Amino acid sequence: MTDNVEVPHYLAAHIQERLAERTHELGIRVDVRGEGVYLRGDVASEERRRLVEEVARTAAAGHRVHNEVTVIPVREPEGEETIS
């Protein structure tokens, strides 16, 4: 039998664990189809998007990583919020 990391759902869990450990990004969905690893979710910056891809590539050695993560910038609120 092959290493458990090679079974698609084990590989996806392995990558998600590495992402949580190294990037603290918990909202990234990892799908494995054949030799492809697909990353989906939202992050706050392009730098975070690149970091997610880098960690996934390392964790998924030998697989092609498709980074479909979207950057959703977080902006500071404008002015004060009034609570009534």
PDB file of N, CA and C in Angstrom:
ATOM      1  N   MET A   1       0.844  -1.197   0.000  1.00  0.00           N
ATOM      2  CA  MET A   1       0.000   0.000   0.000  1.00  0.00           C
ATOM      3  C   MET A   1       0.880   1.248   0.000  1.00  0.00           C
ATOM      4  N   THR A   2       0.389   2.317  -0.601  1.00  0.00           N
ATOM      5  CA  THR A   2       1.151   3.563  -0.653  1.00  0.00           C
ATOM      6  C   THR A   2       1.051   4.297   0.666  1.00  0.00           C
ATOM      7  N   ASP A   3       1.922   5.267   0.843  1.00  0.00           N
ATOM      8  CA  ASP A   3       1.908   6.122   2.029  1.00  0.00           C
ATOM      9  C   ASP A   3       0.543   6.804   2.130  1.00  0.00           C
ATOM     10  N   ASN A   4      -0.010   6.908   3.343  1.00  0.00           N
ATOM     11  CA  ASN A   4      -1.333   7.515   3.537  1.00  0.00           C
ATOM     12  C   ASN A   4      -1.426   8.924   2.987  1.00  0.00           C
ATOM     13  N   VAL A   5      -0.309   9.666   2.959  1.00  0.00           N
ATOM     14  CA  VAL A   5      -0.342  11.035   2.442  1.00  0.00           C
ATOM     15  C   VAL A   5      -0.706  11.039   0.963  1.00  0.00           C
ATOM     16  N   GLU A   6      -0.505   9.922   0.273  1.00  0.00           N
ATOM     17  CA  GLU A   6      -0.811   9.852  -1.152  1.00  0.00           C
ATOM     18  C   GLU A   6      -2.303   9.622  -1.426  1.00  0.00           C
ATOM     19  N   VAL A   7      -3.072   9.171  -0.447  1.00  0.00           N
ATOM     20  CA  VAL A   7      -4.514   9.016  -0.612  1.00  0.00           C
ATOM     21  C   VAL A   7      -5.107  10.426  -0.604  1.00  0.00           C
ATOM     22  N   PRO A   8      -5.958  10.768  -1.598  1.00  0.00           N
ATOM     23  CA  PRO A   8      -6.404  12.157  -1.744  1.00  0.00           C
ATOM     24  C   PRO A   8      -6.892  12.833  -0.466  1.00  0.00           C
ATOM     25  N   HIS A   9      -7.774  12.201   0.302  1.00  0.00           N
ATOM     26  CA  HIS A   9      -8.290  12.900   1.487  1.00  0.00           C
ATOM     27  C   HIS A   9      -7.229  13.025   2.571  1.00  0.00           C
ATOM     28  N   TYR A  10      -6.278  12.084   2.628  1.00  0.00           N
ATOM     29  CA  TYR A  10      -5.173  12.221   3.580  1.00  0.00           C
ATOM     30  C   TYR A  10      -4.235  13.349   3.150  1.00  0.00           C
ATOM     31  N   LEU A  11      -3.982  13.438   1.857  1.00  0.00           N
ATOM     32  CA  LEU A  11      -3.124  14.511   1.351  1.00  0.00           C
ATOM     33  C   LEU A  11      -3.768  15.870   1.618  1.00  0.00           C
ATOM     34  N   ALA A  12      -5.065  16.003   1.354  1.00  0.00           N
ATOM     35  CA  ALA A  12      -5.763  17.266   1.604  1.00  0.00           C
ATOM     36  C   ALA A  12      -5.679  17.632   3.086  1.00  0.00           C
ATOM     37  N   ALA A  13      -5.883  16.667   3.977  1.00  0.00           N
ATOM     38  CA  ALA A  13      -5.802  16.930   5.425  1.00  0.00           C
ATOM     39  C   ALA A  13      -4.378  17.315   5.822  1.00  0.00           C
ATOM     40  N   HIS A  14      -3.395  16.655   5.229  1.00  0.00           N
ATOM     41  CA  HIS A  14      -1.985  16.963   5.502  1.00  0.00           C
ATOM     42  C   HIS A  14      -1.667  18.412   5.110  1.00  0.00           C
ATOM     43  N   ILE A  15      -2.121  18.827   3.938  1.00  0.00           N
ATOM     44  CA  ILE A  15      -1.872  20.189   3.466  1.00  0.00           C
ATOM     45  C   ILE A  15      -2.585  21.194   4.366  1.00  0.00           C
ATOM     46  N   GLN A  16      -3.846  20.927   4.723  1.00  0.00           N
ATOM     47  CA  GLN A  16      -4.583  21.847   5.592  1.00  0.00           C
ATOM     48  C   GLN A  16      -3.908  21.969   6.955  1.00  0.00           C
ATOM     49  N   GLU A  17      -3.376  20.873   7.469  1.00  0.00           N
ATOM     50  CA  GLU A  17      -2.659  20.918   8.744  1.00  0.00           C
ATOM     51  C   GLU A  17      -1.420  21.803   8.638  1.00  0.00           C
ATOM     52  N   ARG A  18      -0.664  21.656   7.550  1.00  0.00           N
ATOM     53  CA  ARG A  18       0.523  22.492   7.346  1.00  0.00           C
ATOM     54  C   ARG A  18       0.142  23.959   7.195  1.00  0.00           C
ATOM     55  N   LEU A  19      -0.946  24.228   6.479  1.00  0.00           N
ATOM     56  CA  LEU A  19      -1.403  25.614   6.314  1.00  0.00           C
ATOM     57  C   LEU A  19      -1.760  26.222   7.671  1.00  0.00           C
ATOM     58  N   ALA A  20      -2.454  25.466   8.503  1.00  0.00           N
ATOM     59  CA  ALA A  20      -2.832  25.960   9.832  1.00  0.00           C
ATOM     60  C   ALA A  20      -1.591  26.225  10.682  1.00  0.00           C
ATOM     61  N   GLU A  21      -0.631  25.317  10.637  1.00  0.00           N
ATOM     62  CA  GLU A  21       0.586  25.453  11.441  1.00  0.00           C
ATOM     63  C   GLU A  21       1.447  26.624  11.001  1.00  0.00           C
ATOM     64  N   ARG A  22       1.610  26.790   9.703  1.00  0.00           N
ATOM     65  CA  ARG A  22       2.592  27.746   9.189  1.00  0.00           C
ATOM     66  C   ARG A  22       2.024  29.084   8.762  1.00  0.00           C
ATOM     67  N   THR A  23       0.719  29.134   8.474  1.00  0.00           N
ATOM     68  CA  THR A  23       0.145  30.404   8.018  1.00  0.00           C
ATOM     69  C   THR A  23      -0.984  30.890   8.926  1.00  0.00           C
ATOM     70  N   HIS A  24      -1.519  30.004   9.736  1.00  0.00           N
ATOM     71  CA  HIS A  24      -2.676  30.292  10.595  1.00  0.00           C
ATOM     72  C   HIS A  24      -3.921  30.627   9.780  1.00  0.00           C
ATOM     73  N   GLU A  25      -3.911  30.254   8.510  1.00  0.00           N
ATOM     74  CA  GLU A  25      -5.091  30.428   7.653  1.00  0.00           C
ATOM     75  C   GLU A  25      -5.937  29.168   7.782  1.00  0.00           C
ATOM     76  N   LEU A  26      -7.122  29.306   8.369  1.00  0.00           N
ATOM     77  CA  LEU A  26      -7.980  28.151   8.607  1.00  0.00           C
ATOM     78  C   LEU A  26      -9.118  28.038   7.596  1.00  0.00           C
ATOM     79  N   GLY A  27      -9.303  29.061   6.775  1.00  0.00           N
ATOM     80  CA  GLY A  27     -10.418  29.060   5.839  1.00  0.00           C
ATOM     81  C   GLY A  27     -10.056  28.633   4.430  1.00  0.00           C
ATOM     82  N   ILE A  28      -8.920  27.969   4.257  1.00  0.00           N
ATOM     83  CA  ILE A  28      -8.515  27.538   2.916  1.00  0.00           C
ATOM     84  C   ILE A  28      -9.005  26.115   2.691  1.00  0.00           C
ATOM     85  N   ARG A  29      -9.775  25.920   1.628  1.00  0.00           N
ATOM     86  CA  ARG A  29     -10.257  24.586   1.265  1.00  0.00           C
ATOM     87  C   ARG A  29      -9.241  23.951   0.322  1.00  0.00           C
ATOM     88  N   VAL A  30      -8.920  22.699   0.562  1.00  0.00           N
ATOM     89  CA  VAL A  30      -7.954  21.968  -0.253  1.00  0.00           C
ATOM     90  C   VAL A  30      -8.672  20.784  -0.886  1.00  0.00           C
ATOM     91  N   ASP A  31      -8.660  20.726  -2.212  1.00  0.00           N
ATOM     92  CA  ASP A  31      -9.245  19.604  -2.949  1.00  0.00           C
ATOM     93  C   ASP A  31      -8.136  18.938  -3.746  1.00  0.00           C
ATOM     94  N   VAL A  32      -8.099  17.614  -3.723  1.00  0.00           N
ATOM     95  CA  VAL A  32      -7.102  16.861  -4.480  1.00  0.00           C
ATOM     96  C   VAL A  32      -7.839  16.060  -5.540  1.00  0.00           C
ATOM     97  N   ARG A  33      -7.434  16.275  -6.799  1.00  0.00           N
ATOM     98  CA  ARG A  33      -7.985  15.518  -7.925  1.00  0.00           C
ATOM     99  C   ARG A  33      -6.841  15.041  -8.780  1.00  0.00           C
ATOM    100  N   GLY A  34      -6.605  13.746  -8.767  1.00  0.00           N
ATOM    101  CA  GLY A  34      -5.481  13.187  -9.518  1.00  0.00           C
ATOM    102  C   GLY A  34      -4.188  13.762  -8.987  1.00  0.00           C
ATOM    103  N   GLU A  35      -3.388  14.327  -9.868  1.00  0.00           N
ATOM    104  CA  GLU A  35      -2.122  14.944  -9.470  1.00  0.00           C
ATOM    105  C   GLU A  35      -2.285  16.426  -9.140  1.00  0.00           C
ATOM    106  N   GLY A  36      -3.518  16.930  -9.190  1.00  0.00           N
ATOM    107  CA  GLY A  36      -3.768  18.344  -8.936  1.00  0.00           C
ATOM    108  C   GLY A  36      -4.259  18.616  -7.520  1.00  0.00           C
ATOM    109  N   VAL A  37      -3.737  19.681  -6.939  1.00  0.00           N
ATOM    110  CA  VAL A  37      -4.176  20.163  -5.631  1.00  0.00           C
ATOM    111  C   VAL A  37      -4.748  21.566  -5.860  1.00  0.00           C
ATOM    112  N   TYR A  38      -6.001  21.756  -5.460  1.00  0.00           N
ATOM    113  CA  TYR A  38      -6.689  23.018  -5.686  1.00  0.00           C
ATOM    114  C   TYR A  38      -6.905  23.730  -4.352  1.00  0.00           C
ATOM    115  N   LEU A  39      -6.453  24.972  -4.276  1.00  0.00           N
ATOM    116  CA  LEU A  39      -6.594  25.783  -3.075  1.00  0.00           C
ATOM    117  C   LEU A  39      -7.657  26.835  -3.330  1.00  0.00           C
ATOM    118  N   ARG A  40      -8.643  26.920  -2.426  1.00  0.00           N
ATOM    119  CA  ARG A  40      -9.712  27.919  -2.563  1.00  0.00           C
ATOM    120  C   ARG A  40      -9.991  28.538  -1.206  1.00  0.00           C
ATOM    121  N   GLY A  41     -10.348  29.790  -1.212  1.00  0.00           N
ATOM    122  CA  GLY A  41     -10.668  30.508   0.012  1.00  0.00           C
ATOM    123  C   GLY A  41     -10.293  31.964  -0.139  1.00  0.00           C
ATOM    124  N   ASP A  42     -10.339  32.687   0.964  1.00  0.00           N
ATOM    125  CA  ASP A  42     -10.051  34.119   0.967  1.00  0.00           C
ATOM    126  C   ASP A  42      -8.935  34.429   1.955  1.00  0.00           C
ATOM    127  N   VAL A  43      -8.059  35.352   1.562  1.00  0.00           N
ATOM    128  CA  VAL A  43      -7.007  35.852   2.443  1.00  0.00           C
ATOM    129  C   VAL A  43      -6.992  37.377   2.343  1.00  0.00           C
ATOM    130  N   ALA A  44      -6.271  38.022   3.279  1.00  0.00           N
ATOM    131  CA  ALA A  44      -6.308  39.479   3.376  1.00  0.00           C
ATOM    132  C   ALA A  44      -5.303  40.202   2.483  1.00  0.00           C
ATOM    133  N   SER A  45      -4.318  39.491   1.911  1.00  0.00           N
ATOM    134  CA  SER A  45      -3.322  40.179   1.083  1.00  0.00           C
ATOM    135  C   SER A  45      -2.692  39.219   0.085  1.00  0.00           C
ATOM    136  N   GLU A  46      -2.043  39.817  -0.923  1.00  0.00           N
ATOM    137  CA  GLU A  46      -1.330  39.023  -1.921  1.00  0.00           C
ATOM    138  C   GLU A  46      -0.180  38.257  -1.264  1.00  0.00           C
ATOM    139  N   GLU A  47       0.447  38.866  -0.278  1.00  0.00           N
ATOM    140  CA  GLU A  47       1.531  38.194   0.450  1.00  0.00           C
ATOM    141  C   GLU A  47       1.020  36.914   1.123  1.00  0.00           C
ATOM    142  N   ARG A  48      -0.158  36.970   1.746  1.00  0.00           N
ATOM    143  CA  ARG A  48      -0.747  35.790   2.386  1.00  0.00           C
ATOM    144  C   ARG A  48      -1.084  34.737   1.333  1.00  0.00           C
ATOM    145  N   ARG A  49      -1.566  35.175   0.179  1.00  0.00           N
ATOM    146  CA  ARG A  49      -1.907  34.251  -0.913  1.00  0.00           C
ATOM    147  C   ARG A  49      -0.659  33.496  -1.360  1.00  0.00           C
ATOM    148  N   ARG A  50       0.450  34.226  -1.532  1.00  0.00           N
ATOM    149  CA  ARG A  50       1.709  33.585  -1.943  1.00  0.00           C
ATOM    150  C   ARG A  50       2.213  32.622  -0.877  1.00  0.00           C
ATOM    151  N   LEU A  51       2.086  33.006   0.394  1.00  0.00           N
ATOM    152  CA  LEU A  51       2.531  32.141   1.482  1.00  0.00           C
ATOM    153  C   LEU A  51       1.724  30.843   1.525  1.00  0.00           C
ATOM    154  N   VAL A  52       0.415  30.943   1.342  1.00  0.00           N
ATOM    155  CA  VAL A  52      -0.442  29.754   1.310  1.00  0.00           C
ATOM    156  C   VAL A  52       0.021  28.818   0.192  1.00  0.00           C
ATOM    157  N   GLU A  53       0.301  29.376  -0.975  1.00  0.00           N
ATOM    158  CA  GLU A  53       0.744  28.558  -2.103  1.00  0.00           C
ATOM    159  C   GLU A  53       2.090  27.908  -1.816  1.00  0.00           C
ATOM    160  N   GLU A  54       3.019  28.655  -1.259  1.00  0.00           N
ATOM    161  CA  GLU A  54       4.352  28.128  -0.947  1.00  0.00           C
ATOM    162  C   GLU A  54       4.267  26.954   0.039  1.00  0.00           C
ATOM    163  N   VAL A  55       3.493  27.113   1.089  1.00  0.00           N
ATOM    164  CA  VAL A  55       3.343  26.044   2.082  1.00  0.00           C
ATOM    165  C   VAL A  55       2.678  24.825   1.448  1.00  0.00           C
ATOM    166  N   ALA A  56       1.650  25.051   0.640  1.00  0.00           N
ATOM    167  CA  ALA A  56       0.956  23.937  -0.013  1.00  0.00           C
ATOM    168  C   ALA A  56       1.877  23.202  -0.981  1.00  0.00           C
ATOM    169  N   ARG A  57       2.690  23.937  -1.737  1.00  0.00           N
ATOM    170  CA  ARG A  57       3.623  23.289  -2.670  1.00  0.00           C
ATOM    171  C   ARG A  57       4.616  22.395  -1.927  1.00  0.00           C
ATOM    172  N   THR A  58       5.095  22.856  -0.800  1.00  0.00           N
ATOM    173  CA  THR A  58       6.025  22.055  -0.005  1.00  0.00           C
ATOM    174  C   THR A  58       5.332  20.812   0.538  1.00  0.00           C
ATOM    175  N   ALA A  59       4.124  20.975   1.048  1.00  0.00           N
ATOM    176  CA  ALA A  59       3.387  19.854   1.644  1.00  0.00           C
ATOM    177  C   ALA A  59       2.897  18.861   0.591  1.00  0.00           C
ATOM    178  N   ALA A  60       2.709  19.325  -0.640  1.00  0.00           N
ATOM    179  CA  ALA A  60       2.166  18.480  -1.710  1.00  0.00           C
ATOM    180  C   ALA A  60       3.220  18.157  -2.754  1.00  0.00           C
ATOM    181  N   ALA A  61       4.437  17.934  -2.304  1.00  0.00           N
ATOM    182  CA  ALA A  61       5.547  17.658  -3.231  1.00  0.00           C
ATOM    183  C   ALA A  61       5.130  16.611  -4.261  1.00  0.00           C
ATOM    184  N   GLY A  62       5.420  16.917  -5.519  1.00  0.00           N
ATOM    185  CA  GLY A  62       5.094  15.991  -6.597  1.00  0.00           C
ATOM    186  C   GLY A  62       3.720  16.204  -7.207  1.00  0.00           C
ATOM    187  N   HIS A  63       2.940  17.105  -6.648  1.00  0.00           N
ATOM    188  CA  HIS A  63       1.614  17.402  -7.179  1.00  0.00           C
ATOM    189  C   HIS A  63       1.608  18.825  -7.734  1.00  0.00           C
ATOM    190  N   ARG A  64       0.748  19.054  -8.689  1.00  0.00           N
ATOM    191  CA  ARG A  64       0.597  20.391  -9.269  1.00  0.00           C
ATOM    192  C   ARG A  64      -0.397  21.181  -8.416  1.00  0.00           C
ATOM    193  N   VAL A  65       0.017  22.347  -7.924  1.00  0.00           N
ATOM    194  CA  VAL A  65      -0.823  23.174  -7.060  1.00  0.00           C
ATOM    195  C   VAL A  65      -1.472  24.280  -7.893  1.00  0.00           C
ATOM    196  N   HIS A  66      -2.795  24.373  -7.779  1.00  0.00           N
ATOM    197  CA  HIS A  66      -3.574  25.410  -8.463  1.00  0.00           C
ATOM    198  C   HIS A  66      -4.088  26.362  -7.391  1.00  0.00           C
ATOM    199  N   ASN A  67      -3.544  27.559  -7.371  1.00  0.00           N
ATOM    200  CA  ASN A  67      -3.898  28.535  -6.347  1.00  0.00           C
ATOM    201  C   ASN A  67      -5.078  29.375  -6.820  1.00  0.00           C
ATOM    202  N   GLU A  68      -6.262  29.065  -6.309  1.00  0.00           N
ATOM    203  CA  GLU A  68      -7.475  29.805  -6.647  1.00  0.00           C
ATOM    204  C   GLU A  68      -7.945  30.649  -5.462  1.00  0.00           C
ATOM    205  N   VAL A  69      -7.015  30.959  -4.567  1.00  0.00           N
ATOM    206  CA  VAL A  69      -7.308  31.764  -3.381  1.00  0.00           C
ATOM    207  C   VAL A  69      -7.528  33.215  -3.803  1.00  0.00           C
ATOM    208  N   THR A  70      -8.542  33.845  -3.230  1.00  0.00           N
ATOM    209  CA  THR A  70      -8.914  35.219  -3.549  1.00  0.00           C
ATOM    210  C   THR A  70      -8.422  36.167  -2.461  1.00  0.00           C
ATOM    211  N   VAL A  71      -7.893  37.310  -2.891  1.00  0.00           N
ATOM    212  CA  VAL A  71      -7.474  38.342  -1.941  1.00  0.00           C
ATOM    213  C   VAL A  71      -8.648  39.284  -1.698  1.00  0.00           C
ATOM    214  N   ILE A  72      -9.056  39.362  -0.443  1.00  0.00           N
ATOM    215  CA  ILE A  72     -10.114  40.271  -0.018  1.00  0.00           C
ATOM    216  C   ILE A  72      -9.476  41.227   0.984  1.00  0.00           C
ATOM    217  N   PRO A  73      -9.038  42.404   0.532  1.00  0.00           N
ATOM    218  CA  PRO A  73      -8.350  43.313   1.452  1.00  0.00           C
ATOM    219  C   PRO A  73      -9.256  43.755   2.600  1.00  0.00           C
ATOM    220  N   VAL A  74      -8.673  43.824   3.766  1.00  0.00           N
ATOM    221  CA  VAL A  74      -9.392  44.296   4.945  1.00  0.00           C
ATOM    222  C   VAL A  74      -9.047  45.763   5.123  1.00  0.00           C
ATOM    223  N   ARG A  75     -10.068  46.612   5.130  1.00  0.00           N
ATOM    224  CA  ARG A  75      -9.848  48.054   5.273  1.00  0.00           C
ATOM    225  C   ARG A  75     -10.254  48.507   6.665  1.00  0.00           C
ATOM    226  N   GLU A  76      -9.571  49.541   7.092  1.00  0.00           N
ATOM    227  CA  GLU A  76      -9.915  50.173   8.363  1.00  0.00           C
ATOM    228  C   GLU A  76     -11.252  50.880   8.192  1.00  0.00           C
ATOM    229  N   PRO A  77     -12.087  50.877   9.234  1.00  0.00           N
ATOM    230  CA  PRO A  77     -13.361  51.590   9.125  1.00  0.00           C
ATOM    231  C   PRO A  77     -13.130  53.094   8.992  1.00  0.00           C
ATOM    232  N   GLU A  78     -14.025  53.741   8.261  1.00  0.00           N
ATOM    233  CA  GLU A  78     -13.927  55.179   8.076  1.00  0.00           C
ATOM    234  C   GLU A  78     -14.738  55.880   9.156  1.00  0.00           C
ATOM    235  N   GLY A  79     -14.100  56.688   9.954  1.00  0.00           N
ATOM    236  CA  GLY A  79     -14.795  57.417  11.005  1.00  0.00           C
ATOM    237  C   GLY A  79     -15.184  56.517  12.166  1.00  0.00           C
ATOM    238  N   GLU A  80     -15.919  57.095  13.098  1.00  0.00           N
ATOM    239  CA  GLU A  80     -16.358  56.355  14.260  1.00  0.00           C
ATOM    240  C   GLU A  80     -17.713  55.730  14.008  1.00  0.00           C
ATOM    241  N   GLU A  81     -17.928  54.569  14.591  1.00  0.00           N
ATOM    242  CA  GLU A  81     -19.214  53.908  14.490  1.00  0.00           C
ATOM    243  C   GLU A  81     -20.069  54.348  15.666  1.00  0.00           C
ATOM    244  N   THR A  82     -21.295  54.754  15.385  1.00  0.00           N
ATOM    245  CA  THR A  82     -22.209  55.188  16.433  1.00  0.00           C
ATOM    246  C   THR A  82     -23.166  54.048  16.736  1.00  0.00           C
ATOM    247  N   ILE A  83     -23.250  53.693  17.997  1.00  0.00           N
ATOM    248  CA  ILE A  83     -24.179  52.643  18.418  1.00  0.00           C
ATOM    249  C   ILE A  83     -25.330  53.317  19.151  1.00  0.00           C
ATOM    250  N   SER A  84     -26.544  53.036  18.683  1.00  0.00           N
ATOM    251  CA  SER A  84     -27.689  53.685  19.329  1.00  0.00           C
ATOM    252  C   SER A  84     -28.412  52.750  20.250  1.00  0.00           C
TER     253      SER A  84
END
